[in-house]
Each structure stands twice: as structure tokens, then as C-alpha cells.
Amino acid sequence: MAASQRMFGKIMVLAVLLSQSALLYAQRTASDAIHHSLNVVINPAIQYIAVEDTITLPESLNTRNLSFLLNENLNIVDSSTRVEASGRADSSAAIGINSTGADTAGSNRYELTLPSRSRNRLELSYEGMIHQPTQQNSAQYSQSFSETSGIIEDLGVYLSGASLWVPNFQDYLVTFDLQVEFTGGYDSWTAVSQGRSTGENAWSETNPMEEIYLVAADFTTYSMSAADVDMLVYLRQPDSNLANKYLDATPVSYTHLRAHET
């Protein structure tokens, strides 16, 4: 069985969606983060993604001259101000909490100068194909995990900070809202990300994060609420017994973590 089949054949995503009292980066405020408002269209059959991103910059980013990184397979097709490519970026740097640098996608660096009238706002539209085949991270162990910087295919979608599918300004955390649409006969698919679900294939995260995840497939969804936490389990194959095991265990883990935060 191919590595990508093993990855997506066994993939199971447990999403614990916290309330406003987020545990990660609790001391950072949204006013210090870059906000991305993302409208995404994905066609898994052709490994294609198109993104419209409205970027709101924080006041602390006190400059009109900016640069960002974007996956080298994505082409900017429209922007609210002139954006110029300045060459390939160093792909050895780790991006995201799970990235080692070796699994970071190749990227181009772009530079721009914001006009004074829209100093804190930038609109970008870009599109392309993302498909780095998964690779087993160790030849010594048959049960080792498969890794990819990012993949879109008919088995599923996995995008993270290492995919550089969202413009990366490097030194800033991000907040976001996200709306995903699937085309090419994949209307039954579900998109999963951080934060709170705000509708069908829609997510919002108001707490600063290092990266933005987008995981998608033809999931079966199970849910449960406890106190101020919504717990969602996404399985590729229906299995209510397995889902309940994760849902029943999650409140205990969450309470334990909260106790260590106070």
C-alpha cells in the first residue's frame, strides 16, 4: 500500500475546540497577530487550490514595507497593491509546531509597499497545485508515520504551516476565519481546522496561533459538548464506538490541562 494510502486510510482527526479562554498563547492578544480572512476553493481530483485572502495587519507592525513567503507552486493572480517576487526563499527553516525544516515546502519570497490609505490591509488571490507525496519518516519501523509538507488529492487534504499555503510573515502569530468550498464532485467532504466551527466547512480562530491547518476528507462527524468546550471527532469510516472512546476521554484530559494552567 502506498504511503499516501496508509496516511489517509488511517487518518483520524480529533478536534477539541476551545472557548475564548484558549490555552495556547494565552498571554498573547489578537491585536498583536495578523488576521487572515480566507475563502478557499479546492478540487481534490486535480490537486488544485484557490485562495482569496484578506489580510489585516496589527498596529505593532509599524511599517509599509513588507515581505512574505508563499508556496512556490502557488501563483498570485490578483492583489490590492503591487506585489513583486524577489526570489526563492530558504526552505530549510522549520515553520509550524510540528515542522522539522526538512518537510517545509519550497517557497518564493514576495515584497510589497502598502499605500498609506490601506496601511493595515492587503488583499491577495492566488492558486495552484499542492501535492508532495507522503514519505515514511523512518525506514526502520513499519509503523512509523508518513510525512508531507502538504498534499491535496482524492484521498484527502492536509495543509499546515509547513505547506506555506497561507502568506507567511514569519515573525507574527495569526488569527483567522476560513470558508472552504469543494468542487469536482467532492461536495460531501468536510473541512477541519482550529478554533470554532461557524458553519458548514467554516472555522474561526480568535486566539493567536503559529499556523493554520486545513484537513479535509469525506469524514463522518461525531460531537459532544462539556462546559465551555465543543468536542468533535472526525473519522474516515463510521465507528460510533471508537468516536465515543475519544469523546469520553477528552473532558478528562482537558480538565487536567486546565488545572495545570491555573
Protein backbone atom coordinates (compact mmCIF):
# COMPACT_ATOMS: atom_id res chain seq x y z
CA MET A 1 0.00 0.00 0.00
CA ALA A 2 1.36 3.46 -0.94
CA ALA A 3 2.37 5.87 1.82
CA SER A 4 -0.42 8.31 0.97
CA GLN A 5 -2.98 5.48 1.15
CA ARG A 6 -1.68 4.50 4.58
CA MET A 7 -1.84 8.11 5.72
CA PHE A 8 -5.36 8.82 4.51
CA GLY A 9 -6.64 5.30 5.04
CA LYS A 10 -5.92 5.52 8.76
CA ILE A 11 -6.31 9.26 9.30
CA MET A 12 -8.48 10.16 12.23
CA VAL A 13 -8.76 13.75 13.37
CA LEU A 14 -9.84 14.66 16.87
CA ALA A 15 -10.62 18.37 17.09
CA VAL A 16 -11.07 19.90 20.51
CA LEU A 17 -12.47 23.37 20.02
CA LEU A 18 -11.80 25.61 22.97
CA SER A 19 -13.73 28.69 24.04
CA GLN A 20 -12.30 32.18 24.27
CA SER A 21 -10.07 31.06 27.12
CA ALA A 22 -7.57 29.34 24.79
CA LEU A 23 -4.69 27.54 26.42
CA LEU A 24 -2.04 28.12 23.78
CA TYR A 25 -0.56 31.62 23.66
CA ALA A 26 -2.95 32.75 26.35
CA GLN A 27 -0.72 35.73 27.11
CA ARG A 28 -0.76 36.95 23.50
CA THR A 29 -3.64 39.06 22.27
CA ALA A 30 -5.31 39.08 18.89
CA SER A 31 -4.30 42.72 18.43
CA ASP A 32 -0.68 41.55 18.11
CA ALA A 33 -1.49 38.99 15.42
CA ILE A 34 -2.01 39.11 11.66
CA HIS A 35 -5.58 38.19 10.74
CA HIS A 36 -6.33 36.16 7.62
CA SER A 37 -9.85 36.05 6.21
CA LEU A 38 -9.66 33.07 3.84
CA ASN A 39 -12.09 31.97 1.14
CA VAL A 40 -10.81 28.67 -0.26
CA VAL A 41 -11.87 26.52 -3.21
CA ILE A 42 -10.39 23.01 -3.52
CA ASN A 43 -10.70 20.42 -6.27
CA PRO A 44 -9.02 17.26 -4.92
CA ALA A 45 -9.21 15.47 -8.28
CA ILE A 46 -6.67 17.86 -9.83
CA GLN A 47 -4.81 18.75 -6.59
CA TYR A 48 -5.95 22.34 -7.01
CA ILE A 49 -6.49 25.14 -4.50
CA ALA A 50 -7.58 28.75 -5.00
CA VAL A 51 -7.48 31.24 -2.14
CA GLU A 52 -8.79 34.76 -1.61
CA ASP A 53 -7.08 36.16 1.48
CA THR A 54 -7.93 39.48 3.09
CA ILE A 55 -5.07 40.23 5.46
CA THR A 56 -5.40 42.67 8.36
CA LEU A 57 -2.10 43.73 9.86
CA PRO A 58 -1.61 44.66 13.53
CA GLU A 59 -0.69 48.17 14.63
CA SER A 60 2.53 46.77 16.05
CA LEU A 61 3.69 46.04 12.51
CA ASN A 62 4.71 49.65 12.09
CA THR A 63 5.97 49.61 8.51
CA ARG A 64 4.62 49.90 4.99
CA ASN A 65 7.40 47.74 3.52
CA LEU A 66 6.58 44.06 3.95
CA SER A 67 7.70 40.66 2.75
CA PHE A 68 6.13 37.24 2.99
CA LEU A 69 6.67 33.64 1.88
CA LEU A 70 4.27 31.62 -0.25
CA ASN A 71 4.43 28.06 -1.59
CA GLU A 72 6.37 28.05 -4.87
CA ASN A 73 3.57 26.15 -6.62
CA LEU A 74 1.04 28.89 -5.89
CA ASN A 75 0.75 31.85 -8.26
CA ILE A 76 -0.57 35.25 -7.22
CA VAL A 77 -3.27 36.23 -9.72
CA ASP A 78 -4.53 39.44 -8.11
CA SER A 79 -3.62 41.81 -5.27
CA SER A 80 -4.81 45.10 -3.84
CA THR A 81 -1.31 46.57 -4.20
CA ARG A 82 1.71 45.72 -6.30
CA VAL A 83 3.48 42.56 -5.12
CA GLU A 84 6.88 41.58 -6.54
CA ALA A 85 8.66 38.24 -6.33
CA SER A 86 12.20 38.62 -5.01
CA GLY A 87 13.44 35.05 -5.48
CA ARG A 88 13.27 31.69 -3.79
CA ALA A 89 13.29 31.55 -0.01
CA ASP A 90 15.33 29.33 2.29
CA SER A 91 13.27 26.16 2.70
CA SER A 92 15.41 24.70 5.49
CA ALA A 93 13.74 26.73 8.25
CA ALA A 94 11.11 24.94 10.32
CA ILE A 95 7.66 26.52 10.05
CA GLY A 96 4.89 25.40 12.40
CA ILE A 97 4.98 23.50 15.65
CA ASN A 98 5.43 20.07 14.05
CA SER A 99 7.81 21.03 11.26
CA THR A 100 11.46 19.98 11.28
CA GLY A 101 12.50 22.14 8.34
CA ALA A 102 13.09 19.07 6.19
CA ASP A 103 9.35 18.90 5.49
CA THR A 104 8.86 22.61 4.70
CA ALA A 105 7.59 23.31 1.20
CA GLY A 106 9.72 25.26 -1.24
CA SER A 107 8.63 28.88 -1.37
CA ASN A 108 9.07 32.23 -3.04
CA ARG A 109 9.56 35.50 -1.23
CA TYR A 110 7.39 38.47 -2.16
CA GLU A 111 7.84 42.12 -1.30
CA LEU A 112 5.38 44.99 -1.31
CA THR A 113 4.83 48.52 -0.11
CA LEU A 114 1.40 49.28 1.28
CA PRO A 115 -0.16 52.60 0.25
CA SER A 116 -0.78 54.91 3.17
CA ARG A 117 -4.56 54.79 2.69
CA SER A 118 -4.63 51.00 3.29
CA ARG A 119 -1.68 50.61 5.58
CA ASN A 120 -3.13 47.77 7.62
CA ARG A 121 -4.96 45.85 4.90
CA LEU A 122 -3.86 43.66 2.00
CA GLU A 123 -5.93 41.52 -0.38
CA LEU A 124 -4.38 38.61 -2.27
CA SER A 125 -5.76 36.00 -4.65
CA TYR A 126 -3.60 33.02 -5.56
CA GLU A 127 -3.98 29.50 -6.92
CA GLY A 128 -2.07 26.39 -7.90
CA MET A 129 -1.48 22.74 -7.09
CA ILE A 130 -0.09 21.33 -3.84
CA HIS A 131 0.93 17.69 -3.80
CA GLN A 132 4.05 16.49 -2.06
CA PRO A 133 3.80 12.68 -1.86
CA THR A 134 3.92 11.34 1.67
CA GLN A 135 7.08 9.63 2.83
CA GLN A 136 7.65 7.31 5.76
CA ASN A 137 9.78 9.11 8.32
CA SER A 138 11.79 6.02 9.22
CA ALA A 139 12.69 3.02 7.09
CA GLN A 140 13.43 1.03 10.23
CA TYR A 141 9.88 0.90 11.57
CA SER A 142 6.93 -0.28 9.50
CA GLN A 143 4.51 1.55 11.81
CA SER A 144 6.27 4.92 11.61
CA PHE A 145 4.26 7.94 10.47
CA SER A 146 4.12 9.24 6.93
CA GLU A 147 5.05 12.89 6.44
CA THR A 148 4.36 15.55 3.87
CA SER A 149 4.68 19.33 3.74
CA GLY A 150 1.24 19.42 2.16
CA ILE A 151 -0.99 17.32 -0.04
CA ILE A 152 -4.25 17.67 -1.95
CA GLU A 153 -5.58 14.53 -3.60
CA ASP A 154 -8.72 12.42 -3.94
CA LEU A 155 -7.92 10.61 -0.67
CA GLY A 156 -7.83 13.78 1.40
CA VAL A 157 -6.23 17.15 2.11
CA TYR A 158 -3.54 18.04 4.64
CA LEU A 159 -2.17 21.58 4.79
CA SER A 160 -0.24 23.17 7.65
CA GLY A 161 2.20 26.00 8.27
CA ALA A 162 4.90 23.94 6.56
CA SER A 163 2.78 23.90 3.40
CA LEU A 164 3.08 27.70 3.17
CA TRP A 165 -0.41 27.76 1.68
CA VAL A 166 -1.12 30.99 3.57
CA PRO A 167 1.21 34.01 3.19
CA ASN A 168 3.78 33.72 5.96
CA PHE A 169 5.12 36.92 7.50
CA GLN A 170 7.47 34.81 9.66
CA ASP A 171 7.68 36.66 12.97
CA TYR A 172 3.96 37.09 13.63
CA LEU A 173 1.29 34.82 15.02
CA VAL A 174 -2.03 34.61 13.20
CA THR A 175 -5.76 34.61 13.78
CA PHE A 176 -8.17 33.68 11.01
CA ASP A 177 -11.60 32.93 9.67
CA LEU A 178 -11.89 30.28 6.99
CA GLN A 179 -14.54 29.20 4.49
CA VAL A 180 -13.90 26.18 2.26
CA GLU A 181 -15.74 25.02 -0.86
CA PHE A 182 -15.12 21.72 -2.64
CA THR A 183 -15.66 21.27 -6.37
CA GLY A 184 -15.25 18.45 -8.88
CA GLY A 185 -17.80 16.14 -7.25
CA TYR A 186 -16.45 16.38 -3.69
CA ASP A 187 -19.41 18.24 -2.18
CA SER A 188 -19.77 15.69 0.64
CA TRP A 189 -16.31 16.46 2.04
CA THR A 190 -15.74 18.15 5.38
CA ALA A 191 -13.02 20.70 6.14
CA VAL A 192 -11.46 20.81 9.62
CA SER A 193 -9.28 23.49 11.19
CA GLN A 194 -8.56 25.09 14.56
CA GLY A 195 -10.92 27.25 16.55
CA ARG A 196 -14.70 27.07 16.43
CA SER A 197 -16.88 25.79 13.65
CA THR A 198 -19.01 28.70 12.41
CA GLY A 199 -20.95 26.83 9.75
CA GLU A 200 -20.56 24.21 7.06
CA ASN A 201 -16.82 23.99 6.30
CA ALA A 202 -16.30 27.30 8.09
CA TRP A 203 -13.96 27.97 11.03
CA SER A 204 -12.83 30.91 13.12
CA GLU A 205 -9.85 31.25 15.47
CA THR A 206 -9.55 34.46 17.50
CA ASN A 207 -6.59 33.32 19.59
CA PRO A 208 -3.10 33.80 18.12
CA MET A 209 -1.65 30.66 16.53
CA GLU A 210 1.65 29.74 14.87
CA GLU A 211 -0.02 28.29 11.79
CA ILE A 212 -3.31 27.49 10.06
CA TYR A 213 -4.28 23.89 9.44
CA LEU A 214 -6.68 22.65 6.79
CA VAL A 215 -7.55 18.95 6.88
CA ALA A 216 -10.32 17.56 4.70
CA ALA A 217 -11.84 14.29 3.54
CA ASP A 218 -15.20 12.52 3.39
CA PHE A 219 -15.43 12.38 7.18
CA THR A 220 -18.16 11.10 9.47
CA THR A 221 -18.53 13.60 12.33
CA TYR A 222 -19.30 12.88 15.99
CA SER A 223 -19.72 15.62 18.60
CA MET A 224 -20.25 16.28 22.29
CA SER A 225 -20.28 19.42 24.46
CA ALA A 226 -18.98 19.74 28.02
CA ALA A 227 -18.91 23.04 29.90
CA ASP A 228 -17.37 25.59 27.51
CA VAL A 229 -15.79 23.01 25.22
CA ASP A 230 -17.17 21.55 21.99
CA MET A 231 -15.56 18.23 21.11
CA LEU A 232 -15.65 16.87 17.59
CA VAL A 233 -14.28 13.60 16.26
CA TYR A 234 -13.82 13.08 12.52
CA LEU A 235 -13.48 9.52 11.21
CA ARG A 236 -12.96 8.33 7.67
CA GLN A 237 -15.13 5.31 8.38
CA PRO A 238 -18.23 5.38 10.63
CA ASP A 239 -17.38 3.92 14.04
CA SER A 240 -19.50 5.27 16.90
CA ASN A 241 -17.79 3.08 19.49
CA LEU A 242 -14.36 4.43 18.63
CA ALA A 243 -15.66 8.00 18.47
CA ASN A 244 -17.23 7.69 21.93
CA LYS A 245 -13.96 6.46 23.39
CA TYR A 246 -12.28 9.68 22.29
CA LEU A 247 -15.20 11.89 23.28
CA ASP A 248 -15.42 10.29 26.73
CA ALA A 249 -11.67 10.69 27.33
CA THR A 250 -11.37 14.29 26.14
CA PRO A 251 -13.07 16.13 29.04
CA VAL A 252 -10.72 14.40 31.49
CA SER A 253 -7.66 15.45 29.50
CA TYR A 254 -8.99 18.99 29.11
CA THR A 255 -9.74 19.37 32.82
CA HIS A 256 -6.28 18.06 33.68
CA LEU A 257 -4.68 20.57 31.32
CA ARG A 258 -6.76 23.46 32.65
CA ALA A 259 -5.68 22.56 36.21
CA HIS A 260 -2.04 22.96 35.22
CA GLU A 261 -2.76 26.32 33.57
CA THR A 262 -4.28 27.91 36.69
